[in-house]
């Protein structure tokens, strides 16, 4: 993955962020470029962080997520609770989690 770093003066005018992910399919490298608006990235990270906090403090919500019979059902519960984040933004919070929380989030 290539990440372009910006100085604080450059960030003020930044309107979008581009992530380049080298993918492989059948042993062949497949270029994939995903573009996000900076606002969407920030909102996704904030939603992921709020989701982690809700999982920490709301035992009933956490148990409801853990009791779901499939990943699709877990995603449905998460969306219906008002959370909207990309998996990569949730994964970016891993260093802030306890081992138990990491295990729980692996189910998503």
C-alpha atoms as a PDB file:
ATOM      1  CA  UNK A   1       0.000   0.000   0.000  1.00  0.00           C
ATOM      2  CA  UNK A   2       1.282   3.450  -0.852  1.00  0.00           C
ATOM      3  CA  UNK A   3       0.413   6.361   1.398  1.00  0.00           C
ATOM      4  CA  UNK A   4       1.221   9.946   0.588  1.00  0.00           C
ATOM      5  CA  UNK A   5       2.129  12.061   3.599  1.00  0.00           C
ATOM      6  CA  UNK A   6       1.132  15.700   3.811  1.00  0.00           C
ATOM      7  CA  UNK A   7       2.415  18.611   5.853  1.00  0.00           C
ATOM      8  CA  UNK A   8      -0.102  20.487   7.995  1.00  0.00           C
ATOM      9  CA  UNK A   9      -0.226  23.318   5.444  1.00  0.00           C
ATOM     10  CA  UNK A  10      -1.094  20.907   2.651  1.00  0.00           C
ATOM     11  CA  UNK A  11      -3.864  19.168   4.627  1.00  0.00           C
ATOM     12  CA  UNK A  12      -5.929  22.351   4.904  1.00  0.00           C
ATOM     13  CA  UNK A  13      -6.754  22.241   1.184  1.00  0.00           C
ATOM     14  CA  UNK A  14      -7.055  18.438   0.939  1.00  0.00           C
ATOM     15  CA  UNK A  15     -10.380  17.347  -0.538  1.00  0.00           C
ATOM     16  CA  UNK A  16      -9.828  13.628  -1.066  1.00  0.00           C
ATOM     17  CA  UNK A  17      -7.504  10.793  -0.178  1.00  0.00           C
ATOM     18  CA  UNK A  18      -6.356   8.037  -2.510  1.00  0.00           C
ATOM     19  CA  UNK A  19      -5.349   4.579  -1.324  1.00  0.00           C
ATOM     20  CA  UNK A  20      -3.585   2.193  -3.699  1.00  0.00           C
ATOM     21  CA  UNK A  21      -3.974  -1.465  -2.751  1.00  0.00           C
ATOM     22  CA  UNK A  22      -1.967  -4.057  -4.674  1.00  0.00           C
ATOM     23  CA  UNK A  23      -4.245  -7.078  -5.010  1.00  0.00           C
ATOM     24  CA  UNK A  24      -3.655 -10.543  -6.375  1.00  0.00           C
ATOM     25  CA  UNK A  25      -6.173 -12.787  -8.062  1.00  0.00           C
ATOM     26  CA  UNK A  26      -5.151 -16.189  -9.280  1.00  0.00           C
ATOM     27  CA  UNK A  27      -1.505 -15.310  -8.709  1.00  0.00           C
ATOM     28  CA  UNK A  28      -1.748 -12.212 -10.911  1.00  0.00           C
ATOM     29  CA  UNK A  29      -1.396  -8.697  -9.535  1.00  0.00           C
ATOM     30  CA  UNK A  30      -4.561  -6.684 -10.053  1.00  0.00           C
ATOM     31  CA  UNK A  31      -4.390  -2.904  -9.628  1.00  0.00           C
ATOM     32  CA  UNK A  32      -7.215  -1.473  -7.569  1.00  0.00           C
ATOM     33  CA  UNK A  33      -7.497   2.199  -6.707  1.00  0.00           C
ATOM     34  CA  UNK A  34     -10.164   3.272  -4.260  1.00  0.00           C
ATOM     35  CA  UNK A  35     -10.886   6.932  -3.696  1.00  0.00           C
ATOM     36  CA  UNK A  36     -12.668   8.320  -0.665  1.00  0.00           C
ATOM     37  CA  UNK A  37     -13.546  11.848   0.208  1.00  0.00           C
ATOM     38  CA  UNK A  38     -11.705  12.940   3.319  1.00  0.00           C
ATOM     39  CA  UNK A  39     -15.061  13.595   4.989  1.00  0.00           C
ATOM     40  CA  UNK A  40     -16.188  10.003   4.302  1.00  0.00           C
ATOM     41  CA  UNK A  41     -12.965   8.585   5.744  1.00  0.00           C
ATOM     42  CA  UNK A  42     -13.242  10.693   8.901  1.00  0.00           C
ATOM     43  CA  UNK A  43     -16.915   9.798   9.337  1.00  0.00           C
ATOM     44  CA  UNK A  44     -16.149   6.092   8.877  1.00  0.00           C
ATOM     45  CA  UNK A  45     -13.335   6.177  11.454  1.00  0.00           C
ATOM     46  CA  UNK A  46     -15.516   8.090  13.917  1.00  0.00           C
ATOM     47  CA  UNK A  47     -18.349   5.593  13.423  1.00  0.00           C
ATOM     48  CA  UNK A  48     -15.968   2.659  13.962  1.00  0.00           C
ATOM     49  CA  UNK A  49     -14.658   4.274  17.154  1.00  0.00           C
ATOM     50  CA  UNK A  50     -18.236   4.914  18.392  1.00  0.00           C
ATOM     51  CA  UNK A  51     -19.114   1.289  17.622  1.00  0.00           C
ATOM     52  CA  UNK A  52     -16.159   0.030  19.679  1.00  0.00           C
ATOM     53  CA  UNK A  53     -17.206   2.279  22.566  1.00  0.00           C
ATOM     54  CA  UNK A  54     -20.790   0.983  22.404  1.00  0.00           C
ATOM     55  CA  UNK A  55     -19.502  -2.596  22.423  1.00  0.00           C
ATOM     56  CA  UNK A  56     -17.460  -1.736  25.544  1.00  0.00           C
ATOM     57  CA  UNK A  57     -20.234  -0.126  27.579  1.00  0.00           C
ATOM     58  CA  UNK A  58     -23.470  -1.769  26.324  1.00  0.00           C
ATOM     59  CA  UNK A  59     -23.435  -5.455  27.309  1.00  0.00           C
ATOM     60  CA  UNK A  60     -26.880  -6.083  25.805  1.00  0.00           C
ATOM     61  CA  UNK A  61     -25.786  -4.690  22.416  1.00  0.00           C
ATOM     62  CA  UNK A  62     -22.564  -6.719  22.528  1.00  0.00           C
ATOM     63  CA  UNK A  63     -24.482  -9.906  23.354  1.00  0.00           C
ATOM     64  CA  UNK A  64     -26.936  -9.216  20.527  1.00  0.00           C
ATOM     65  CA  UNK A  65     -24.014  -8.911  18.076  1.00  0.00           C
ATOM     66  CA  UNK A  66     -22.370 -12.082  19.404  1.00  0.00           C
ATOM     67  CA  UNK A  67     -25.632 -14.037  19.271  1.00  0.00           C
ATOM     68  CA  UNK A  68     -26.289 -13.243  15.595  1.00  0.00           C
ATOM     69  CA  UNK A  69     -26.237 -16.396  13.480  1.00  0.00           C
ATOM     70  CA  UNK A  70     -24.238 -14.964  10.571  1.00  0.00           C
ATOM     71  CA  UNK A  71     -21.902 -12.160   9.577  1.00  0.00           C
ATOM     72  CA  UNK A  72     -24.674 -10.706   7.408  1.00  0.00           C
ATOM     73  CA  UNK A  73     -27.032 -10.585  10.398  1.00  0.00           C
ATOM     74  CA  UNK A  74     -24.297  -8.928  12.525  1.00  0.00           C
ATOM     75  CA  UNK A  75     -23.814  -6.297   9.813  1.00  0.00           C
ATOM     76  CA  UNK A  76     -27.569  -5.715   9.711  1.00  0.00           C
ATOM     77  CA  UNK A  77     -27.684  -5.169  13.488  1.00  0.00           C
ATOM     78  CA  UNK A  78     -24.716  -2.793  13.326  1.00  0.00           C
ATOM     79  CA  UNK A  79     -26.249  -0.746  10.480  1.00  0.00           C
ATOM     80  CA  UNK A  80     -29.654  -0.617  12.187  1.00  0.00           C
ATOM     81  CA  UNK A  81     -27.934   0.755  15.309  1.00  0.00           C
ATOM     82  CA  UNK A  82     -26.731   3.676  13.184  1.00  0.00           C
ATOM     83  CA  UNK A  83     -23.109   2.686  12.594  1.00  0.00           C
ATOM     84  CA  UNK A  84     -21.617   3.005   9.112  1.00  0.00           C
ATOM     85  CA  UNK A  85     -17.927   2.203   8.781  1.00  0.00           C
ATOM     86  CA  UNK A  86     -15.550   0.314   6.521  1.00  0.00           C
ATOM     87  CA  UNK A  87     -13.864  -2.776   7.916  1.00  0.00           C
ATOM     88  CA  UNK A  88     -10.422  -1.251   7.299  1.00  0.00           C
ATOM     89  CA  UNK A  89     -11.315   1.672   9.577  1.00  0.00           C
ATOM     90  CA  UNK A  90     -12.413  -0.715  12.308  1.00  0.00           C
ATOM     91  CA  UNK A  91      -9.199  -2.675  11.826  1.00  0.00           C
ATOM     92  CA  UNK A  92      -7.198   0.541  12.220  1.00  0.00           C
ATOM     93  CA  UNK A  93      -8.374   0.692  15.847  1.00  0.00           C
ATOM     94  CA  UNK A  94      -6.923  -2.726  16.740  1.00  0.00           C
ATOM     95  CA  UNK A  95      -4.010  -1.253  18.693  1.00  0.00           C
ATOM     96  CA  UNK A  96      -6.521   0.445  21.009  1.00  0.00           C
ATOM     97  CA  UNK A  97      -8.382  -2.783  21.826  1.00  0.00           C
ATOM     98  CA  UNK A  98      -7.981  -5.403  24.505  1.00  0.00           C
ATOM     99  CA  UNK A  99      -7.325  -8.993  23.340  1.00  0.00           C
ATOM    100  CA  UNK A 100     -10.934  -9.917  24.221  1.00  0.00           C
ATOM    101  CA  UNK A 101     -12.283  -7.009  22.151  1.00  0.00           C
ATOM    102  CA  UNK A 102     -10.087  -8.048  19.210  1.00  0.00           C
ATOM    103  CA  UNK A 103     -11.485 -11.577  19.375  1.00  0.00           C
ATOM    104  CA  UNK A 104     -15.033 -10.225  19.422  1.00  0.00           C
ATOM    105  CA  UNK A 105     -14.442  -7.948  16.428  1.00  0.00           C
ATOM    106  CA  UNK A 106     -12.953 -10.811  14.415  1.00  0.00           C
ATOM    107  CA  UNK A 107     -16.520 -12.168  14.151  1.00  0.00           C
ATOM    108  CA  UNK A 108     -17.711  -9.144  12.159  1.00  0.00           C
END
